[in-house]
């Protein structure tokens, strides 16, 4: 499994940050009725930072995320596991 890619301002493609940017563009267009055109560089910095923070937080707290379900025969556990490509190296399993 490939590590999740939060994105960096200078390495934005195919990342969580690029998905956040795309969602921002769609929401802006939907609400304002016009494409969002200004501030792209600043948004990329902001969205990359948000994505990095989210994925680092989830990685650090993976044990706190319950993925266990109970069936008729008792507990059936599922494990959440992922790695994060920080652009400076991969963290996690």
PDB file of N, CA and C in Angstrom:
ATOM      1  N   UNK A   1       0.848  -1.174   0.000  1.00  0.00           N
ATOM      2  CA  UNK A   1       0.000   0.000   0.000  1.00  0.00           C
ATOM      3  C   UNK A   1       0.893   1.236   0.000  1.00  0.00           C
ATOM      4  N   UNK A   2       0.591   2.145  -0.894  1.00  0.00           N
ATOM      5  CA  UNK A   2       1.363   3.387  -0.983  1.00  0.00           C
ATOM      6  C   UNK A   2       1.006   4.303   0.185  1.00  0.00           C
ATOM      7  N   UNK A   3       1.979   5.086   0.675  1.00  0.00           N
ATOM      8  CA  UNK A   3       1.676   6.026   1.760  1.00  0.00           C
ATOM      9  C   UNK A   3       0.728   7.123   1.287  1.00  0.00           C
ATOM     10  N   UNK A   4      -0.063   7.614   2.204  1.00  0.00           N
ATOM     11  CA  UNK A   4      -0.942   8.744   1.912  1.00  0.00           C
ATOM     12  C   UNK A   4      -0.074   9.984   1.691  1.00  0.00           C
ATOM     13  N   UNK A   5      -0.450  10.809   0.749  1.00  0.00           N
ATOM     14  CA  UNK A   5       0.352  11.977   0.375  1.00  0.00           C
ATOM     15  C   UNK A   5      -0.389  13.251   0.767  1.00  0.00           C
ATOM     16  N   UNK A   6       0.054  13.932   1.827  1.00  0.00           N
ATOM     17  CA  UNK A   6      -0.616  15.167   2.207  1.00  0.00           C
ATOM     18  C   UNK A   6      -0.419  16.270   1.181  1.00  0.00           C
ATOM     19  N   UNK A   7       0.770  16.327   0.589  1.00  0.00           N
ATOM     20  CA  UNK A   7       1.094  17.380  -0.372  1.00  0.00           C
ATOM     21  C   UNK A   7       1.949  18.462   0.262  1.00  0.00           C
ATOM     22  N   UNK A   8       2.649  19.157  -0.587  1.00  0.00           N
ATOM     23  CA  UNK A   8       3.461  20.304  -0.194  1.00  0.00           C
ATOM     24  C   UNK A   8       3.173  21.387  -1.220  1.00  0.00           C
ATOM     25  N   UNK A   9       3.411  22.615  -0.866  1.00  0.00           N
ATOM     26  CA  UNK A   9       3.115  23.718  -1.784  1.00  0.00           C
ATOM     27  C   UNK A   9       3.814  23.522  -3.130  1.00  0.00           C
ATOM     28  N   UNK A  10       5.007  22.925  -3.119  1.00  0.00           N
ATOM     29  CA  UNK A  10       5.762  22.714  -4.359  1.00  0.00           C
ATOM     30  C   UNK A  10       5.646  21.283  -4.878  1.00  0.00           C
ATOM     31  N   UNK A  11       4.890  20.435  -4.215  1.00  0.00           N
ATOM     32  CA  UNK A  11       4.645  19.058  -4.662  1.00  0.00           C
ATOM     33  C   UNK A  11       3.181  18.753  -4.370  1.00  0.00           C
ATOM     34  N   UNK A  12       2.319  19.315  -5.167  1.00  0.00           N
ATOM     35  CA  UNK A  12       0.893  19.403  -4.876  1.00  0.00           C
ATOM     36  C   UNK A  12       0.054  18.315  -5.547  1.00  0.00           C
ATOM     37  N   UNK A  13       0.496  17.820  -6.691  1.00  0.00           N
ATOM     38  CA  UNK A  13      -0.321  16.928  -7.509  1.00  0.00           C
ATOM     39  C   UNK A  13      -0.621  15.610  -6.801  1.00  0.00           C
ATOM     40  N   UNK A  14      -1.819  15.086  -7.030  1.00  0.00           N
ATOM     41  CA  UNK A  14      -2.264  13.780  -6.509  1.00  0.00           C
ATOM     42  C   UNK A  14      -2.109  13.684  -4.997  1.00  0.00           C
ATOM     43  N   UNK A  15      -2.451  14.742  -4.292  1.00  0.00           N
ATOM     44  CA  UNK A  15      -2.299  14.779  -2.843  1.00  0.00           C
ATOM     45  C   UNK A  15      -3.619  15.160  -2.177  1.00  0.00           C
ATOM     46  N   UNK A  16      -3.658  15.009  -0.847  1.00  0.00           N
ATOM     47  CA  UNK A  16      -4.824  15.458  -0.098  1.00  0.00           C
ATOM     48  C   UNK A  16      -5.002  16.963  -0.282  1.00  0.00           C
ATOM     49  N   UNK A  17      -3.912  17.710  -0.290  1.00  0.00           N
ATOM     50  CA  UNK A  17      -3.987  19.164  -0.468  1.00  0.00           C
ATOM     51  C   UNK A  17      -4.628  19.520  -1.811  1.00  0.00           C
ATOM     52  N   UNK A  18      -4.314  18.771  -2.863  1.00  0.00           N
ATOM     53  CA  UNK A  18      -4.918  19.075  -4.168  1.00  0.00           C
ATOM     54  C   UNK A  18      -6.409  18.759  -4.166  1.00  0.00           C
ATOM     55  N   UNK A  19      -6.817  17.741  -3.408  1.00  0.00           N
ATOM     56  CA  UNK A  19      -8.247  17.439  -3.280  1.00  0.00           C
ATOM     57  C   UNK A  19      -8.964  18.535  -2.491  1.00  0.00           C
ATOM     58  N   UNK A  20      -8.301  19.072  -1.468  1.00  0.00           N
ATOM     59  CA  UNK A  20      -8.879  20.183  -0.704  1.00  0.00           C
ATOM     60  C   UNK A  20      -9.028  21.406  -1.613  1.00  0.00           C
ATOM     61  N   UNK A  21      -8.017  21.676  -2.435  1.00  0.00           N
ATOM     62  CA  UNK A  21      -8.076  22.795  -3.376  1.00  0.00           C
ATOM     63  C   UNK A  21      -9.234  22.610  -4.358  1.00  0.00           C
ATOM     64  N   UNK A  22      -9.397  21.406  -4.880  1.00  0.00           N
ATOM     65  CA  UNK A  22     -10.485  21.139  -5.830  1.00  0.00           C
ATOM     66  C   UNK A  22     -11.846  21.328  -5.162  1.00  0.00           C
ATOM     67  N   UNK A  23     -11.971  20.876  -3.911  1.00  0.00           N
ATOM     68  CA  UNK A  23     -13.227  21.057  -3.178  1.00  0.00           C
ATOM     69  C   UNK A  23     -13.494  22.536  -2.937  1.00  0.00           C
ATOM     70  N   UNK A  24     -12.453  23.295  -2.627  1.00  0.00           N
ATOM     71  CA  UNK A  24     -12.597  24.739  -2.416  1.00  0.00           C
ATOM     72  C   UNK A  24     -13.084  25.406  -3.698  1.00  0.00           C
ATOM     73  N   UNK A  25     -12.506  25.016  -4.825  1.00  0.00           N
ATOM     74  CA  UNK A  25     -12.924  25.586  -6.112  1.00  0.00           C
ATOM     75  C   UNK A  25     -14.403  25.294  -6.379  1.00  0.00           C
ATOM     76  N   UNK A  26     -14.823  24.038  -6.132  1.00  0.00           N
ATOM     77  CA  UNK A  26     -16.228  23.674  -6.371  1.00  0.00           C
ATOM     78  C   UNK A  26     -17.168  24.437  -5.443  1.00  0.00           C
ATOM     79  N   UNK A  27     -16.828  24.520  -4.182  1.00  0.00           N
ATOM     80  CA  UNK A  27     -17.682  25.220  -3.214  1.00  0.00           C
ATOM     81  C   UNK A  27     -17.765  26.708  -3.526  1.00  0.00           C
ATOM     82  N   UNK A  28     -16.628  27.312  -3.854  1.00  0.00           N
ATOM     83  CA  UNK A  28     -16.610  28.732  -4.194  1.00  0.00           C
ATOM     84  C   UNK A  28     -17.526  28.993  -5.390  1.00  0.00           C
ATOM     85  N   UNK A  29     -17.374  28.178  -6.428  1.00  0.00           N
ATOM     86  CA  UNK A  29     -18.194  28.327  -7.628  1.00  0.00           C
ATOM     87  C   UNK A  29     -19.670  28.157  -7.287  1.00  0.00           C
ATOM     88  N   UNK A  30     -19.988  27.185  -6.449  1.00  0.00           N
ATOM     89  CA  UNK A  30     -21.369  26.910  -6.077  1.00  0.00           C
ATOM     90  C   UNK A  30     -21.998  28.065  -5.298  1.00  0.00           C
ATOM     91  N   UNK A  31     -21.264  28.631  -4.379  1.00  0.00           N
ATOM     92  CA  UNK A  31     -21.798  29.687  -3.526  1.00  0.00           C
ATOM     93  C   UNK A  31     -21.711  31.062  -4.185  1.00  0.00           C
ATOM     94  N   UNK A  32     -20.568  31.353  -4.782  1.00  0.00           N
ATOM     95  CA  UNK A  32     -20.332  32.687  -5.333  1.00  0.00           C
ATOM     96  C   UNK A  32     -20.753  32.825  -6.793  1.00  0.00           C
ATOM     97  N   UNK A  33     -20.877  31.695  -7.506  1.00  0.00           N
ATOM     98  CA  UNK A  33     -21.273  31.744  -8.902  1.00  0.00           C
ATOM     99  C   UNK A  33     -20.184  32.194  -9.848  1.00  0.00           C
ATOM    100  N   UNK A  34     -18.954  32.229  -9.375  1.00  0.00           N
ATOM    101  CA  UNK A  34     -17.818  32.637 -10.194  1.00  0.00           C
ATOM    102  C   UNK A  34     -16.596  31.823  -9.767  1.00  0.00           C
ATOM    103  N   UNK A  35     -15.683  31.526 -10.682  1.00  0.00           N
ATOM    104  CA  UNK A  35     -14.492  30.766 -10.303  1.00  0.00           C
ATOM    105  C   UNK A  35     -13.604  31.537  -9.325  1.00  0.00           C
ATOM    106  N   UNK A  36     -12.983  30.811  -8.428  1.00  0.00           N
ATOM    107  CA  UNK A  36     -12.008  31.386  -7.499  1.00  0.00           C
ATOM    108  C   UNK A  36     -10.701  31.556  -8.260  1.00  0.00           C
ATOM    109  N   UNK A  37     -10.224  32.792  -8.378  1.00  0.00           N
ATOM    110  CA  UNK A  37      -9.079  33.037  -9.247  1.00  0.00           C
ATOM    111  C   UNK A  37      -7.849  33.567  -8.513  1.00  0.00           C
ATOM    112  N   UNK A  38      -8.022  34.299  -7.443  1.00  0.00           N
ATOM    113  CA  UNK A  38      -6.872  34.928  -6.797  1.00  0.00           C
ATOM    114  C   UNK A  38      -6.398  34.122  -5.600  1.00  0.00           C
ATOM    115  N   UNK A  39      -5.129  34.273  -5.260  1.00  0.00           N
ATOM    116  CA  UNK A  39      -4.584  33.687  -4.046  1.00  0.00           C
ATOM    117  C   UNK A  39      -4.200  32.223  -4.139  1.00  0.00           C
ATOM    118  N   UNK A  40      -3.988  31.709  -5.350  1.00  0.00           N
ATOM    119  CA  UNK A  40      -3.705  30.280  -5.512  1.00  0.00           C
ATOM    120  C   UNK A  40      -2.457  29.847  -4.744  1.00  0.00           C
ATOM    121  N   UNK A  41      -1.392  30.621  -4.781  1.00  0.00           N
ATOM    122  CA  UNK A  41      -0.151  30.238  -4.103  1.00  0.00           C
ATOM    123  C   UNK A  41      -0.355  30.185  -2.588  1.00  0.00           C
ATOM    124  N   UNK A  42      -1.064  31.161  -2.047  1.00  0.00           N
ATOM    125  CA  UNK A  42      -1.325  31.177  -0.605  1.00  0.00           C
ATOM    126  C   UNK A  42      -2.235  30.022  -0.199  1.00  0.00           C
ATOM    127  N   UNK A  43      -3.222  29.706  -1.032  1.00  0.00           N
ATOM    128  CA  UNK A  43      -4.104  28.569  -0.735  1.00  0.00           C
ATOM    129  C   UNK A  43      -3.329  27.268  -0.735  1.00  0.00           C
ATOM    130  N   UNK A  44      -2.414  27.103  -1.662  1.00  0.00           N
ATOM    131  CA  UNK A  44      -1.626  25.868  -1.710  1.00  0.00           C
ATOM    132  C   UNK A  44      -0.810  25.689  -0.433  1.00  0.00           C
ATOM    133  N   UNK A  45      -0.226  26.744   0.056  1.00  0.00           N
ATOM    134  CA  UNK A  45       0.517  26.670   1.322  1.00  0.00           C
ATOM    135  C   UNK A  45      -0.423  26.277   2.451  1.00  0.00           C
ATOM    136  N   UNK A  46      -1.572  26.945   2.527  1.00  0.00           N
ATOM    137  CA  UNK A  46      -2.552  26.672   3.571  1.00  0.00           C
ATOM    138  C   UNK A  46      -3.064  25.239   3.488  1.00  0.00           C
ATOM    139  N   UNK A  47      -3.491  24.793   2.302  1.00  0.00           N
ATOM    140  CA  UNK A  47      -4.071  23.462   2.158  1.00  0.00           C
ATOM    141  C   UNK A  47      -3.030  22.370   2.384  1.00  0.00           C
ATOM    142  N   UNK A  48      -1.793  22.599   1.966  1.00  0.00           N
ATOM    143  CA  UNK A  48      -0.729  21.624   2.226  1.00  0.00           C
ATOM    144  C   UNK A  48      -0.488  21.501   3.734  1.00  0.00           C
ATOM    145  N   UNK A  49      -0.476  22.629   4.426  1.00  0.00           N
ATOM    146  CA  UNK A  49      -0.278  22.601   5.880  1.00  0.00           C
ATOM    147  C   UNK A  49      -1.427  21.882   6.576  1.00  0.00           C
ATOM    148  N   UNK A  50      -2.646  22.138   6.151  1.00  0.00           N
ATOM    149  CA  UNK A  50      -3.811  21.471   6.742  1.00  0.00           C
ATOM    150  C   UNK A  50      -3.719  19.965   6.506  1.00  0.00           C
ATOM    151  N   UNK A  51      -3.450  19.551   5.279  1.00  0.00           N
ATOM    152  CA  UNK A  51      -3.368  18.123   4.965  1.00  0.00           C
ATOM    153  C   UNK A  51      -2.239  17.445   5.743  1.00  0.00           C
ATOM    154  N   UNK A  52      -1.079  18.103   5.841  1.00  0.00           N
ATOM    155  CA  UNK A  52       0.030  17.536   6.609  1.00  0.00           C
ATOM    156  C   UNK A  52      -0.364  17.362   8.069  1.00  0.00           C
ATOM    157  N   UNK A  53      -1.006  18.371   8.629  1.00  0.00           N
ATOM    158  CA  UNK A  53      -1.428  18.294  10.027  1.00  0.00           C
ATOM    159  C   UNK A  53      -2.444  17.193  10.266  1.00  0.00           C
ATOM    160  N   UNK A  54      -3.418  17.062   9.381  1.00  0.00           N
ATOM    161  CA  UNK A  54      -4.437  16.018   9.528  1.00  0.00           C
ATOM    162  C   UNK A  54      -3.804  14.635   9.485  1.00  0.00           C
ATOM    163  N   UNK A  55      -2.981  14.364   8.458  1.00  0.00           N
ATOM    164  CA  UNK A  55      -2.416  13.032   8.327  1.00  0.00           C
ATOM    165  C   UNK A  55      -1.398  12.722   9.416  1.00  0.00           C
ATOM    166  N   UNK A  56      -0.616  13.703   9.828  1.00  0.00           N
ATOM    167  CA  UNK A  56       0.326  13.460  10.940  1.00  0.00           C
ATOM    168  C   UNK A  56      -0.437  13.188  12.240  1.00  0.00           C
ATOM    169  N   UNK A  57      -1.516  13.904  12.461  1.00  0.00           N
ATOM    170  CA  UNK A  57      -2.331  13.681  13.656  1.00  0.00           C
ATOM    171  C   UNK A  57      -2.937  12.281  13.635  1.00  0.00           C
ATOM    172  N   UNK A  58      -3.526  11.903  12.508  1.00  0.00           N
ATOM    173  CA  UNK A  58      -4.113  10.568  12.403  1.00  0.00           C
ATOM    174  C   UNK A  58      -3.064   9.479  12.578  1.00  0.00           C
ATOM    175  N   UNK A  59      -1.885   9.677  12.005  1.00  0.00           N
ATOM    176  CA  UNK A  59      -0.801   8.702  12.171  1.00  0.00           C
ATOM    177  C   UNK A  59      -0.397   8.592  13.635  1.00  0.00           C
ATOM    178  N   UNK A  60      -0.261   9.715  14.311  1.00  0.00           N
ATOM    179  CA  UNK A  60       0.148   9.718  15.718  1.00  0.00           C
ATOM    180  C   UNK A  60      -0.905   9.119  16.631  1.00  0.00           C
ATOM    181  N   UNK A  61      -2.170   9.175  16.215  1.00  0.00           N
ATOM    182  CA  UNK A  61      -3.273   8.707  17.063  1.00  0.00           C
ATOM    183  C   UNK A  61      -4.020   7.525  16.458  1.00  0.00           C
ATOM    184  N   UNK A  62      -3.359   6.763  15.599  1.00  0.00           N
ATOM    185  CA  UNK A  62      -4.010   5.626  14.941  1.00  0.00           C
ATOM    186  C   UNK A  62      -4.561   4.630  15.957  1.00  0.00           C
ATOM    187  N   UNK A  63      -3.879   4.450  17.075  1.00  0.00           N
ATOM    188  CA  UNK A  63      -4.350   3.506  18.099  1.00  0.00           C
ATOM    189  C   UNK A  63      -5.624   3.987  18.782  1.00  0.00           C
ATOM    190  N   UNK A  64      -5.919   5.267  18.689  1.00  0.00           N
ATOM    191  CA  UNK A  64      -7.116   5.818  19.325  1.00  0.00           C
ATOM    192  C   UNK A  64      -8.363   5.692  18.457  1.00  0.00           C
ATOM    193  N   UNK A  65      -8.188   5.270  17.219  1.00  0.00           N
ATOM    194  CA  UNK A  65      -9.315   5.144  16.300  1.00  0.00           C
ATOM    195  C   UNK A  65      -9.838   3.719  16.384  1.00  0.00           C
ATOM    196  N   UNK A  66     -11.030   3.567  16.912  1.00  0.00           N
ATOM    197  CA  UNK A  66     -11.615   2.251  17.087  1.00  0.00           C
ATOM    198  C   UNK A  66     -12.163   1.745  15.765  1.00  0.00           C
ATOM    199  N   UNK A  67     -11.739   0.562  15.378  1.00  0.00           N
ATOM    200  CA  UNK A  67     -12.250  -0.053  14.154  1.00  0.00           C
ATOM    201  C   UNK A  67     -12.778  -1.460  14.448  1.00  0.00           C
ATOM    202  N   UNK A  68     -13.116  -1.721  15.702  1.00  0.00           N
ATOM    203  CA  UNK A  68     -13.599  -3.031  16.099  1.00  0.00           C
ATOM    204  C   UNK A  68     -15.118  -3.081  16.040  1.00  0.00           C
ATOM    205  N   UNK A  69     -15.628  -4.131  15.448  1.00  0.00           N
ATOM    206  CA  UNK A  69     -17.064  -4.346  15.414  1.00  0.00           C
ATOM    207  C   UNK A  69     -17.371  -5.675  16.092  1.00  0.00           C
ATOM    208  N   UNK A  70     -18.549  -5.802  16.611  1.00  0.00           N
ATOM    209  CA  UNK A  70     -18.946  -7.034  17.273  1.00  0.00           C
ATOM    210  C   UNK A  70     -19.982  -7.742  16.414  1.00  0.00           C
ATOM    211  N   UNK A  71     -19.760  -9.040  16.200  1.00  0.00           N
ATOM    212  CA  UNK A  71     -20.746  -9.811  15.458  1.00  0.00           C
ATOM    213  C   UNK A  71     -21.402 -10.820  16.406  1.00  0.00           C
ATOM    214  N   UNK A  72     -22.209 -11.723  15.895  1.00  0.00           N
ATOM    215  CA  UNK A  72     -22.934 -12.677  16.726  1.00  0.00           C
ATOM    216  C   UNK A  72     -22.044 -13.665  17.451  1.00  0.00           C
ATOM    217  N   UNK A  73     -20.808 -13.844  16.995  1.00  0.00           N
ATOM    218  CA  UNK A  73     -19.886 -14.807  17.606  1.00  0.00           C
ATOM    219  C   UNK A  73     -18.883 -14.148  18.543  1.00  0.00           C
ATOM    220  N   UNK A  74     -18.971 -12.879  18.752  1.00  0.00           N
ATOM    221  CA  UNK A  74     -18.002 -12.169  19.592  1.00  0.00           C
ATOM    222  C   UNK A  74     -17.409 -11.004  18.825  1.00  0.00           C
ATOM    223  N   UNK A  75     -16.282 -10.556  19.290  1.00  0.00           N
ATOM    224  CA  UNK A  75     -15.630  -9.409  18.651  1.00  0.00           C
ATOM    225  C   UNK A  75     -14.880  -9.815  17.392  1.00  0.00           C
ATOM    226  N   UNK A  76     -14.975  -8.984  16.409  1.00  0.00           N
ATOM    227  CA  UNK A  76     -14.204  -9.133  15.176  1.00  0.00           C
ATOM    228  C   UNK A  76     -13.449  -7.833  14.987  1.00  0.00           C
ATOM    229  N   UNK A  77     -12.151  -7.861  15.122  1.00  0.00           N
ATOM    230  CA  UNK A  77     -11.356  -6.632  15.099  1.00  0.00           C
ATOM    231  C   UNK A  77     -10.796  -6.343  13.716  1.00  0.00           C
ATOM    232  N   UNK A  78     -10.725  -5.076  13.397  1.00  0.00           N
ATOM    233  CA  UNK A  78     -10.074  -4.583  12.181  1.00  0.00           C
ATOM    234  C   UNK A  78      -9.006  -3.602  12.622  1.00  0.00           C
ATOM    235  N   UNK A  79      -7.895  -3.593  11.936  1.00  0.00           N
ATOM    236  CA  UNK A  79      -6.800  -2.695  12.293  1.00  0.00           C
ATOM    237  C   UNK A  79      -6.654  -1.601  11.247  1.00  0.00           C
ATOM    238  N   UNK A  80      -6.516  -0.376  11.701  1.00  0.00           N
ATOM    239  CA  UNK A  80      -6.263   0.755  10.821  1.00  0.00           C
ATOM    240  C   UNK A  80      -4.757   0.957  10.744  1.00  0.00           C
ATOM    241  N   UNK A  81      -4.229   0.971   9.549  1.00  0.00           N
ATOM    242  CA  UNK A  81      -2.797   1.147   9.385  1.00  0.00           C
ATOM    243  C   UNK A  81      -2.540   1.911   8.094  1.00  0.00           C
ATOM    244  N   UNK A  82      -1.727   2.948   8.172  1.00  0.00           N
ATOM    245  CA  UNK A  82      -1.336   3.673   6.972  1.00  0.00           C
ATOM    246  C   UNK A  82      -0.025   4.389   7.240  1.00  0.00           C
ATOM    247  N   UNK A  83       0.660   4.727   6.175  1.00  0.00           N
ATOM    248  CA  UNK A  83       1.875   5.516   6.290  1.00  0.00           C
ATOM    249  C   UNK A  83       1.653   6.838   5.570  1.00  0.00           C
ATOM    250  N   UNK A  84       2.475   7.822   5.906  1.00  0.00           N
ATOM    251  CA  UNK A  84       2.331   9.167   5.353  1.00  0.00           C
ATOM    252  C   UNK A  84       3.643   9.567   4.701  1.00  0.00           C
ATOM    253  N   UNK A  85       3.571   9.979   3.434  1.00  0.00           N
ATOM    254  CA  UNK A  85       4.743  10.489   2.728  1.00  0.00           C
ATOM    255  C   UNK A  85       4.814  11.988   2.986  1.00  0.00           C
ATOM    256  N   UNK A  86       5.704  12.405   3.861  1.00  0.00           N
ATOM    257  CA  UNK A  86       5.791  13.810   4.263  1.00  0.00           C
ATOM    258  C   UNK A  86       6.538  14.678   3.257  1.00  0.00           C
ATOM    259  N   UNK A  87       7.122  14.047   2.252  1.00  0.00           N
ATOM    260  CA  UNK A  87       7.980  14.787   1.338  1.00  0.00           C
ATOM    261  C   UNK A  87       9.394  14.844   1.863  1.00  0.00           C
ATOM    262  N   UNK A  88       9.568  14.493   3.122  1.00  0.00           N
ATOM    263  CA  UNK A  88      10.883  14.438   3.764  1.00  0.00           C
ATOM    264  C   UNK A  88      11.157  13.011   4.243  1.00  0.00           C
ATOM    265  N   UNK A  89      10.306  12.091   3.845  1.00  0.00           N
ATOM    266  CA  UNK A  89      10.418  10.707   4.261  1.00  0.00           C
ATOM    267  C   UNK A  89       9.048  10.163   4.611  1.00  0.00           C
ATOM    268  N   UNK A  90       8.980   8.853   4.736  1.00  0.00           N
ATOM    269  CA  UNK A  90       7.726   8.196   5.046  1.00  0.00           C
ATOM    270  C   UNK A  90       7.686   7.883   6.541  1.00  0.00           C
ATOM    271  N   UNK A  91       6.540   8.183   7.197  1.00  0.00           N
ATOM    272  CA  UNK A  91       6.352   7.811   8.598  1.00  0.00           C
ATOM    273  C   UNK A  91       5.231   6.792   8.662  1.00  0.00           C
ATOM    274  N   UNK A  92       5.344   5.894   9.596  1.00  0.00           N
ATOM    275  CA  UNK A  92       4.325   4.874   9.774  1.00  0.00           C
ATOM    276  C   UNK A  92       4.781   3.538   9.229  1.00  0.00           C
ATOM    277  N   UNK A  93       3.892   2.549   9.328  1.00  0.00           N
ATOM    278  CA  UNK A  93       4.270   1.185   8.930  1.00  0.00           C
ATOM    279  C   UNK A  93       4.589   1.055   7.457  1.00  0.00           C
TER     280      UNK A  93
END
